[in-house]
Amino acid sequence: MNKKELIEKIASKAGLKKSEAERALAAFEEAVIEALKAGDKVTLVGFGTFSVSERKERKGRNPQTGEEIIIPATKTPKFSAGKLLKDSVK
């Protein structure tokens, strides 16, 4: 399912116009991004948790030259599925 199909599904399930469903999805995405940027977690009980994971600086190799390089520390978004979501996929 892509974003367009998700918007159509939200619109039909919630009884909204597609444009309203699109704005609602965009607002949800924006709210999650803002929370993660601020270092917060977003927990939707039963569905899952969005959080930020930190990766430490580490050594790596350039695959073309074999030269050893330092890969800098970085932050990355993470999603952990909740029990209801896990159980519904079984």
PDB file of N, CA and C in Angstrom:
ATOM      1  N   MET A   1       0.853  -1.176   0.000  1.00  0.00           N
ATOM      2  CA  MET A   1       0.000   0.000   0.000  1.00  0.00           C
ATOM      3  C   MET A   1       0.897   1.236   0.000  1.00  0.00           C
ATOM      4  N   ASN A   2       0.621   2.139  -0.924  1.00  0.00           N
ATOM      5  CA  ASN A   2       1.386   3.381  -0.965  1.00  0.00           C
ATOM      6  C   ASN A   2       0.593   4.498  -0.270  1.00  0.00           C
ATOM      7  N   LYS A   3       1.160   5.696  -0.254  1.00  0.00           N
ATOM      8  CA  LYS A   3       0.535   6.807   0.463  1.00  0.00           C
ATOM      9  C   LYS A   3      -0.835   7.151  -0.109  1.00  0.00           C
ATOM     10  N   LYS A   4      -0.971   7.145  -1.420  1.00  0.00           N
ATOM     11  CA  LYS A   4      -2.250   7.472  -2.058  1.00  0.00           C
ATOM     12  C   LYS A   4      -3.323   6.465  -1.643  1.00  0.00           C
ATOM     13  N   GLU A   5      -2.977   5.187  -1.663  1.00  0.00           N
ATOM     14  CA  GLU A   5      -3.928   4.143  -1.264  1.00  0.00           C
ATOM     15  C   GLU A   5      -4.286   4.250   0.219  1.00  0.00           C
ATOM     16  N   LEU A   6      -3.302   4.626   1.042  1.00  0.00           N
ATOM     17  CA  LEU A   6      -3.559   4.814   2.474  1.00  0.00           C
ATOM     18  C   LEU A   6      -4.543   5.960   2.694  1.00  0.00           C
ATOM     19  N   ILE A   7      -4.361   7.047   1.973  1.00  0.00           N
ATOM     20  CA  ILE A   7      -5.272   8.191   2.086  1.00  0.00           C
ATOM     21  C   ILE A   7      -6.685   7.784   1.689  1.00  0.00           C
ATOM     22  N   GLU A   8      -6.808   7.022   0.612  1.00  0.00           N
ATOM     23  CA  GLU A   8      -8.131   6.549   0.188  1.00  0.00           C
ATOM     24  C   GLU A   8      -8.775   5.664   1.251  1.00  0.00           C
ATOM     25  N   LYS A   9      -7.990   4.791   1.872  1.00  0.00           N
ATOM     26  CA  LYS A   9      -8.492   3.883   2.910  1.00  0.00           C
ATOM     27  C   LYS A   9      -8.928   4.671   4.143  1.00  0.00           C
ATOM     28  N   ILE A  10      -8.127   5.657   4.552  1.00  0.00           N
ATOM     29  CA  ILE A  10      -8.486   6.496   5.700  1.00  0.00           C
ATOM     30  C   ILE A  10      -9.780   7.247   5.415  1.00  0.00           C
ATOM     31  N   ALA A  11      -9.888   7.802   4.212  1.00  0.00           N
ATOM     32  CA  ALA A  11     -11.084   8.559   3.836  1.00  0.00           C
ATOM     33  C   ALA A  11     -12.327   7.679   3.901  1.00  0.00           C
ATOM     34  N   SER A  12     -12.248   6.467   3.383  1.00  0.00           N
ATOM     35  CA  SER A  12     -13.424   5.597   3.379  1.00  0.00           C
ATOM     36  C   SER A  12     -13.767   5.094   4.782  1.00  0.00           C
ATOM     37  N   LYS A  13     -12.759   4.748   5.578  1.00  0.00           N
ATOM     38  CA  LYS A  13     -13.003   4.231   6.940  1.00  0.00           C
ATOM     39  C   LYS A  13     -13.540   5.316   7.884  1.00  0.00           C
ATOM     40  N   ALA A  14     -13.059   6.559   7.718  1.00  0.00           N
ATOM     41  CA  ALA A  14     -13.438   7.641   8.626  1.00  0.00           C
ATOM     42  C   ALA A  14     -14.574   8.497   8.079  1.00  0.00           C
ATOM     43  N   GLY A  15     -15.021   8.217   6.872  1.00  0.00           N
ATOM     44  CA  GLY A  15     -16.086   9.012   6.281  1.00  0.00           C
ATOM     45  C   GLY A  15     -15.652  10.427   5.958  1.00  0.00           C
ATOM     46  N   LEU A  16     -14.412  10.576   5.513  1.00  0.00           N
ATOM     47  CA  LEU A  16     -13.863  11.885   5.174  1.00  0.00           C
ATOM     48  C   LEU A  16     -13.688  12.008   3.668  1.00  0.00           C
ATOM     49  N   LYS A  17     -13.527  13.255   3.220  1.00  0.00           N
ATOM     50  CA  LYS A  17     -13.145  13.487   1.829  1.00  0.00           C
ATOM     51  C   LYS A  17     -11.663  13.145   1.725  1.00  0.00           C
ATOM     52  N   LYS A  18     -11.218  12.806   0.522  1.00  0.00           N
ATOM     53  CA  LYS A  18      -9.809  12.459   0.337  1.00  0.00           C
ATOM     54  C   LYS A  18      -8.884  13.601   0.743  1.00  0.00           C
ATOM     55  N   SER A  19      -9.294  14.826   0.440  1.00  0.00           N
ATOM     56  CA  SER A  19      -8.453  15.978   0.787  1.00  0.00           C
ATOM     57  C   SER A  19      -8.328  16.129   2.307  1.00  0.00           C
ATOM     58  N   GLU A  20      -9.410  15.843   3.036  1.00  0.00           N
ATOM     59  CA  GLU A  20      -9.368  15.909   4.496  1.00  0.00           C
ATOM     60  C   GLU A  20      -8.488  14.804   5.065  1.00  0.00           C
ATOM     61  N   ALA A  21      -8.595  13.613   4.498  1.00  0.00           N
ATOM     62  CA  ALA A  21      -7.767  12.491   4.947  1.00  0.00           C
ATOM     63  C   ALA A  21      -6.292  12.768   4.672  1.00  0.00           C
ATOM     64  N   GLU A  22      -6.013  13.389   3.533  1.00  0.00           N
ATOM     65  CA  GLU A  22      -4.633  13.731   3.184  1.00  0.00           C
ATOM     66  C   GLU A  22      -4.058  14.746   4.171  1.00  0.00           C
ATOM     67  N   ARG A  23      -4.855  15.761   4.528  1.00  0.00           N
ATOM     68  CA  ARG A  23      -4.409  16.759   5.507  1.00  0.00           C
ATOM     69  C   ARG A  23      -4.207  16.123   6.877  1.00  0.00           C
ATOM     70  N   ALA A  24      -5.083  15.189   7.255  1.00  0.00           N
ATOM     71  CA  ALA A  24      -4.955  14.512   8.551  1.00  0.00           C
ATOM     72  C   ALA A  24      -3.676  13.681   8.596  1.00  0.00           C
ATOM     73  N   LEU A  25      -3.387  12.960   7.523  1.00  0.00           N
ATOM     74  CA  LEU A  25      -2.170  12.151   7.465  1.00  0.00           C
ATOM     75  C   LEU A  25      -0.933  13.039   7.498  1.00  0.00           C
ATOM     76  N   ALA A  26      -0.965  14.139   6.768  1.00  0.00           N
ATOM     77  CA  ALA A  26       0.160  15.079   6.751  1.00  0.00           C
ATOM     78  C   ALA A  26       0.380  15.677   8.137  1.00  0.00           C
ATOM     79  N   ALA A  27      -0.710  15.987   8.840  1.00  0.00           N
ATOM     80  CA  ALA A  27      -0.599  16.535  10.193  1.00  0.00           C
ATOM     81  C   ALA A  27      -0.002  15.499  11.137  1.00  0.00           C
ATOM     82  N   PHE A  28      -0.407  14.237  10.991  1.00  0.00           N
ATOM     83  CA  PHE A  28       0.142  13.162  11.817  1.00  0.00           C
ATOM     84  C   PHE A  28       1.648  13.021  11.569  1.00  0.00           C
ATOM     85  N   GLU A  29       2.045  12.984  10.299  1.00  0.00           N
ATOM     86  CA  GLU A  29       3.465  12.869   9.958  1.00  0.00           C
ATOM     87  C   GLU A  29       4.266  14.031  10.547  1.00  0.00           C
ATOM     88  N   GLU A  30       3.733  15.239  10.398  1.00  0.00           N
ATOM     89  CA  GLU A  30       4.407  16.434  10.904  1.00  0.00           C
ATOM     90  C   GLU A  30       4.545  16.394  12.425  1.00  0.00           C
ATOM     91  N   ALA A  31       3.484  15.968  13.111  1.00  0.00           N
ATOM     92  CA  ALA A  31       3.515  15.896  14.576  1.00  0.00           C
ATOM     93  C   ALA A  31       4.543  14.882  15.061  1.00  0.00           C
ATOM     94  N   VAL A  32       4.627  13.738  14.387  1.00  0.00           N
ATOM     95  CA  VAL A  32       5.604  12.715  14.770  1.00  0.00           C
ATOM     96  C   VAL A  32       7.019  13.231  14.530  1.00  0.00           C
ATOM     97  N   ILE A  33       7.251  13.861  13.388  1.00  0.00           N
ATOM     98  CA  ILE A  33       8.582  14.391  13.077  1.00  0.00           C
ATOM     99  C   ILE A  33       9.000  15.443  14.096  1.00  0.00           C
ATOM    100  N   GLU A  34       8.096  16.353  14.442  1.00  0.00           N
ATOM    101  CA  GLU A  34       8.415  17.399  15.422  1.00  0.00           C
ATOM    102  C   GLU A  34       8.754  16.785  16.778  1.00  0.00           C
ATOM    103  N   ALA A  35       7.996  15.777  17.190  1.00  0.00           N
ATOM    104  CA  ALA A  35       8.249  15.128  18.476  1.00  0.00           C
ATOM    105  C   ALA A  35       9.611  14.433  18.475  1.00  0.00           C
ATOM    106  N   LEU A  36       9.936  13.741  17.398  1.00  0.00           N
ATOM    107  CA  LEU A  36      11.218  13.040  17.324  1.00  0.00           C
ATOM    108  C   LEU A  36      12.384  14.024  17.289  1.00  0.00           C
ATOM    109  N   LYS A  37      12.212  15.140  16.576  1.00  0.00           N
ATOM    110  CA  LYS A  37      13.261  16.169  16.552  1.00  0.00           C
ATOM    111  C   LYS A  37      13.521  16.723  17.951  1.00  0.00           C
ATOM    112  N   ALA A  38      12.446  16.817  18.755  1.00  0.00           N
ATOM    113  CA  ALA A  38      12.565  17.337  20.120  1.00  0.00           C
ATOM    114  C   ALA A  38      13.098  16.282  21.091  1.00  0.00           C
ATOM    115  N   GLY A  39      13.305  15.051  20.592  1.00  0.00           N
ATOM    116  CA  GLY A  39      13.833  13.993  21.447  1.00  0.00           C
ATOM    117  C   GLY A  39      12.765  13.217  22.192  1.00  0.00           C
ATOM    118  N   ASP A  40      11.502  13.439  21.855  1.00  0.00           N
ATOM    119  CA  ASP A  40      10.398  12.741  22.515  1.00  0.00           C
ATOM    120  C   ASP A  40      10.078  11.442  21.803  1.00  0.00           C
ATOM    121  N   LYS A  41       9.336  10.568  22.498  1.00  0.00           N
ATOM    122  CA  LYS A  41       8.791   9.355  21.896  1.00  0.00           C
ATOM    123  C   LYS A  41       7.324   9.616  21.586  1.00  0.00           C
ATOM    124  N   VAL A  42       6.801   8.941  20.574  1.00  0.00           N
ATOM    125  CA  VAL A  42       5.378   8.995  20.272  1.00  0.00           C
ATOM    126  C   VAL A  42       4.851   7.580  20.442  1.00  0.00           C
ATOM    127  N   THR A  43       3.980   7.370  21.438  1.00  0.00           N
ATOM    128  CA  THR A  43       3.457   6.044  21.731  1.00  0.00           C
ATOM    129  C   THR A  43       1.971   5.999  21.429  1.00  0.00           C
ATOM    130  N   LEU A  44       1.594   5.085  20.560  1.00  0.00           N
ATOM    131  CA  LEU A  44       0.194   4.824  20.249  1.00  0.00           C
ATOM    132  C   LEU A  44      -0.091   3.443  20.843  1.00  0.00           C
ATOM    133  N   VAL A  45      -0.721   3.412  22.004  1.00  0.00           N
ATOM    134  CA  VAL A  45      -0.921   2.181  22.756  1.00  0.00           C
ATOM    135  C   VAL A  45      -1.564   1.113  21.870  1.00  0.00           C
ATOM    136  N   GLY A  46      -0.937  -0.044  21.832  1.00  0.00           N
ATOM    137  CA  GLY A  46      -1.415  -1.157  21.028  1.00  0.00           C
ATOM    138  C   GLY A  46      -0.870  -1.147  19.615  1.00  0.00           C
ATOM    139  N   PHE A  47      -0.597   0.033  19.074  1.00  0.00           N
ATOM    140  CA  PHE A  47      -0.103   0.129  17.697  1.00  0.00           C
ATOM    141  C   PHE A  47       1.414   0.094  17.657  1.00  0.00           C
ATOM    142  N   GLY A  48       2.056   1.009  18.398  1.00  0.00           N
ATOM    143  CA  GLY A  48       3.513   1.025  18.417  1.00  0.00           C
ATOM    144  C   GLY A  48       4.085   2.331  18.921  1.00  0.00           C
ATOM    145  N   THR A  49       5.412   2.382  18.917  1.00  0.00           N
ATOM    146  CA  THR A  49       6.139   3.536  19.430  1.00  0.00           C
ATOM    147  C   THR A  49       7.160   4.013  18.411  1.00  0.00           C
ATOM    148  N   PHE A  50       7.136   5.310  18.134  1.00  0.00           N
ATOM    149  CA  PHE A  50       8.149   5.952  17.307  1.00  0.00           C
ATOM    150  C   PHE A  50       9.165   6.570  18.257  1.00  0.00           C
ATOM    151  N   SER A  51      10.451   6.344  18.000  1.00  0.00           N
ATOM    152  CA  SER A  51      11.489   6.921  18.859  1.00  0.00           C
ATOM    153  C   SER A  51      12.723   7.206  18.013  1.00  0.00           C
ATOM    154  N   VAL A  52      13.741   7.770  18.666  1.00  0.00           N
ATOM    155  CA  VAL A  52      15.000   8.068  17.992  1.00  0.00           C
ATOM    156  C   VAL A  52      16.072   7.166  18.588  1.00  0.00           C
ATOM    157  N   SER A  53      16.829   6.521  17.720  1.00  0.00           N
ATOM    158  CA  SER A  53      17.921   5.652  18.138  1.00  0.00           C
ATOM    159  C   SER A  53      19.232   6.327  17.767  1.00  0.00           C
ATOM    160  N   GLU A  54      20.225   6.213  18.647  1.00  0.00           N
ATOM    161  CA  GLU A  54      21.521   6.825  18.362  1.00  0.00           C
ATOM    162  C   GLU A  54      22.525   5.750  17.985  1.00  0.00           C
ATOM    163  N   ARG A  55      23.226   5.983  16.902  1.00  0.00           N
ATOM    164  CA  ARG A  55      24.287   5.079  16.469  1.00  0.00           C
ATOM    165  C   ARG A  55      25.619   5.706  16.844  1.00  0.00           C
ATOM    166  N   LYS A  56      26.510   4.915  17.424  1.00  0.00           N
ATOM    167  CA  LYS A  56      27.827   5.410  17.814  1.00  0.00           C
ATOM    168  C   LYS A  56      28.722   5.553  16.582  1.00  0.00           C
ATOM    169  N   GLU A  57      29.762   6.353  16.744  1.00  0.00           N
ATOM    170  CA  GLU A  57      30.776   6.466  15.702  1.00  0.00           C
ATOM    171  C   GLU A  57      31.462   5.106  15.580  1.00  0.00           C
ATOM    172  N   ARG A  58      31.758   4.698  14.336  1.00  0.00           N
ATOM    173  CA  ARG A  58      32.381   3.396  14.160  1.00  0.00           C
ATOM    174  C   ARG A  58      33.317   3.411  12.960  1.00  0.00           C
ATOM    175  N   LYS A  59      34.158   2.375  12.896  1.00  0.00           N
ATOM    176  CA  LYS A  59      35.087   2.247  11.778  1.00  0.00           C
ATOM    177  C   LYS A  59      34.425   1.471  10.656  1.00  0.00           C
ATOM    178  N   GLY A  60      34.758   1.821   9.443  1.00  0.00           N
ATOM    179  CA  GLY A  60      34.253   1.126   8.274  1.00  0.00           C
ATOM    180  C   GLY A  60      35.311   1.117   7.195  1.00  0.00           C
ATOM    181  N   ARG A  61      34.992   0.547   6.064  1.00  0.00           N
ATOM    182  CA  ARG A  61      35.938   0.510   4.945  1.00  0.00           C
ATOM    183  C   ARG A  61      35.267   1.016   3.680  1.00  0.00           C
ATOM    184  N   ASN A  62      36.024   1.760   2.907  1.00  0.00           N
ATOM    185  CA  ASN A  62      35.571   2.182   1.589  1.00  0.00           C
ATOM    186  C   ASN A  62      35.630   0.937   0.698  1.00  0.00           C
ATOM    187  N   PRO A  63      34.492   0.474   0.165  1.00  0.00           N
ATOM    188  CA  PRO A  63      34.517  -0.764  -0.608  1.00  0.00           C
ATOM    189  C   PRO A  63      35.328  -0.688  -1.909  1.00  0.00           C
ATOM    190  N   GLN A  64      35.529   0.511  -2.432  1.00  0.00           N
ATOM    191  CA  GLN A  64      36.284   0.640  -3.680  1.00  0.00           C
ATOM    192  C   GLN A  64      37.787   0.599  -3.446  1.00  0.00           C
ATOM    193  N   THR A  65      38.242   1.264  -2.376  1.00  0.00           N
ATOM    194  CA  THR A  65      39.686   1.362  -2.149  1.00  0.00           C
ATOM    195  C   THR A  65      40.174   0.484  -1.005  1.00  0.00           C
ATOM    196  N   GLY A  66      39.260   0.052  -0.146  1.00  0.00           N
ATOM    197  CA  GLY A  66      39.664  -0.735   1.022  1.00  0.00           C
ATOM    198  C   GLY A  66      40.185   0.140   2.151  1.00  0.00           C
ATOM    199  N   GLU A  67      40.202   1.458   1.930  1.00  0.00           N
ATOM    200  CA  GLU A  67      40.701   2.397   2.927  1.00  0.00           C
ATOM    201  C   GLU A  67      39.762   2.412   4.133  1.00  0.00           C
ATOM    202  N   GLU A  68      40.354   2.426   5.330  1.00  0.00           N
ATOM    203  CA  GLU A  68      39.564   2.483   6.554  1.00  0.00           C
ATOM    204  C   GLU A  68      39.068   3.915   6.762  1.00  0.00           C
ATOM    205  N   ILE A  69      37.779   4.050   7.095  1.00  0.00           N
ATOM    206  CA  ILE A  69      37.192   5.375   7.324  1.00  0.00           C
ATOM    207  C   ILE A  69      36.430   5.355   8.645  1.00  0.00           C
ATOM    208  N   ILE A  70      36.162   6.526   9.152  1.00  0.00           N
ATOM    209  CA  ILE A  70      35.368   6.671  10.365  1.00  0.00           C
ATOM    210  C   ILE A  70      33.956   7.076   9.942  1.00  0.00           C
ATOM    211  N   ILE A  71      32.968   6.282  10.350  1.00  0.00           N
ATOM    212  CA  ILE A  71      31.564   6.591  10.075  1.00  0.00           C
ATOM    213  C   ILE A  71      31.063   7.393  11.274  1.00  0.00           C
ATOM    214  N   PRO A  72      30.624   8.629  11.069  1.00  0.00           N
ATOM    215  CA  PRO A  72      30.242   9.474  12.202  1.00  0.00           C
ATOM    216  C   PRO A  72      28.992   8.977  12.939  1.00  0.00           C
ATOM    217  N   ALA A  73      28.862   9.395  14.193  1.00  0.00           N
ATOM    218  CA  ALA A  73      27.669   9.080  14.987  1.00  0.00           C
ATOM    219  C   ALA A  73      26.464   9.748  14.336  1.00  0.00           C
ATOM    220  N   THR A  74      25.311   9.122  14.459  1.00  0.00           N
ATOM    221  CA  THR A  74      24.101   9.668  13.847  1.00  0.00           C
ATOM    222  C   THR A  74      22.870   9.244  14.637  1.00  0.00           C
ATOM    223  N   LYS A  75      21.796   9.943  14.410  1.00  0.00           N
ATOM    224  CA  LYS A  75      20.506   9.585  15.003  1.00  0.00           C
ATOM    225  C   LYS A  75      19.610   9.079  13.892  1.00  0.00           C
ATOM    226  N   THR A  76      18.788   8.077  14.196  1.00  0.00           N
ATOM    227  CA  THR A  76      17.905   7.510  13.193  1.00  0.00           C
ATOM    228  C   THR A  76      16.539   7.198  13.803  1.00  0.00           C
ATOM    229  N   PRO A  77      15.463   7.402  13.037  1.00  0.00           N
ATOM    230  CA  PRO A  77      14.134   7.087  13.575  1.00  0.00           C
ATOM    231  C   PRO A  77      13.948   5.580  13.695  1.00  0.00           C
ATOM    232  N   LYS A  78      13.146   5.188  14.677  1.00  0.00           N
ATOM    233  CA  LYS A  78      12.912   3.777  14.952  1.00  0.00           C
ATOM    234  C   LYS A  78      11.427   3.580  15.260  1.00  0.00           C
ATOM    235  N   PHE A  79      10.866   2.444  14.829  1.00  0.00           N
ATOM    236  CA  PHE A  79       9.479   2.120  15.150  1.00  0.00           C
ATOM    237  C   PHE A  79       9.453   0.746  15.775  1.00  0.00           C
ATOM    238  N   SER A  80       8.803   0.630  16.931  1.00  0.00           N
ATOM    239  CA  SER A  80       8.612  -0.654  17.595  1.00  0.00           C
ATOM    240  C   SER A  80       7.118  -0.951  17.597  1.00  0.00           C
ATOM    241  N   ALA A  81       6.744  -2.068  17.011  1.00  0.00           N
ATOM    242  CA  ALA A  81       5.329  -2.444  16.921  1.00  0.00           C
ATOM    243  C   ALA A  81       4.785  -2.812  18.289  1.00  0.00           C
ATOM    244  N   GLY A  82       3.539  -2.420  18.551  1.00  0.00           N
ATOM    245  CA  GLY A  82       2.862  -2.746  19.803  1.00  0.00           C
ATOM    246  C   GLY A  82       2.209  -4.121  19.738  1.00  0.00           C
ATOM    247  N   LYS A  83       1.736  -4.579  20.875  1.00  0.00           N
ATOM    248  CA  LYS A  83       1.151  -5.922  20.981  1.00  0.00           C
ATOM    249  C   LYS A  83      -0.043  -6.126  20.052  1.00  0.00           C
ATOM    250  N   LEU A  84      -0.963  -5.174  20.015  1.00  0.00           N
ATOM    251  CA  LEU A  84      -2.148  -5.305  19.161  1.00  0.00           C
ATOM    252  C   LEU A  84      -1.733  -5.458  17.689  1.00  0.00           C
ATOM    253  N   LEU A  85      -0.782  -4.658  17.240  1.00  0.00           N
ATOM    254  CA  LEU A  85      -0.312  -4.736  15.853  1.00  0.00           C
ATOM    255  C   LEU A  85       0.369  -6.075  15.600  1.00  0.00           C
ATOM    256  N   LYS A  86       1.222  -6.496  16.514  1.00  0.00           N
ATOM    257  CA  LYS A  86       1.925  -7.775  16.350  1.00  0.00           C
ATOM    258  C   LYS A  86       0.926  -8.930  16.284  1.00  0.00           C
ATOM    259  N   ASP A  87      -0.043  -8.930  17.200  1.00  0.00           N
ATOM    260  CA  ASP A  87      -1.025 -10.020  17.260  1.00  0.00           C
ATOM    261  C   ASP A  87      -1.940 -10.053  16.040  1.00  0.00           C
ATOM    262  N   SER A  88      -2.220  -8.913  15.448  1.00  0.00           N
ATOM    263  CA  SER A  88      -3.123  -8.869  14.302  1.00  0.00           C
ATOM    264  C   SER A  88      -2.467  -9.362  13.014  1.00  0.00           C
ATOM    265  N   VAL A  89      -1.138  -9.419  12.995  1.00  0.00           N
ATOM    266  CA  VAL A  89      -0.416  -9.837  11.803  1.00  0.00           C
ATOM    267  C   VAL A  89      -0.165 -11.348  11.807  1.00  0.00           C
ATOM    268  N   LYS A  90      -0.283 -11.975  12.938  1.00  0.00           N
ATOM    269  CA  LYS A  90      -0.011 -13.425  13.047  1.00  0.00           C
ATOM    270  C   LYS A  90      -0.842 -14.242  12.125  1.00  0.00           C
TER     271      LYS A  90
END
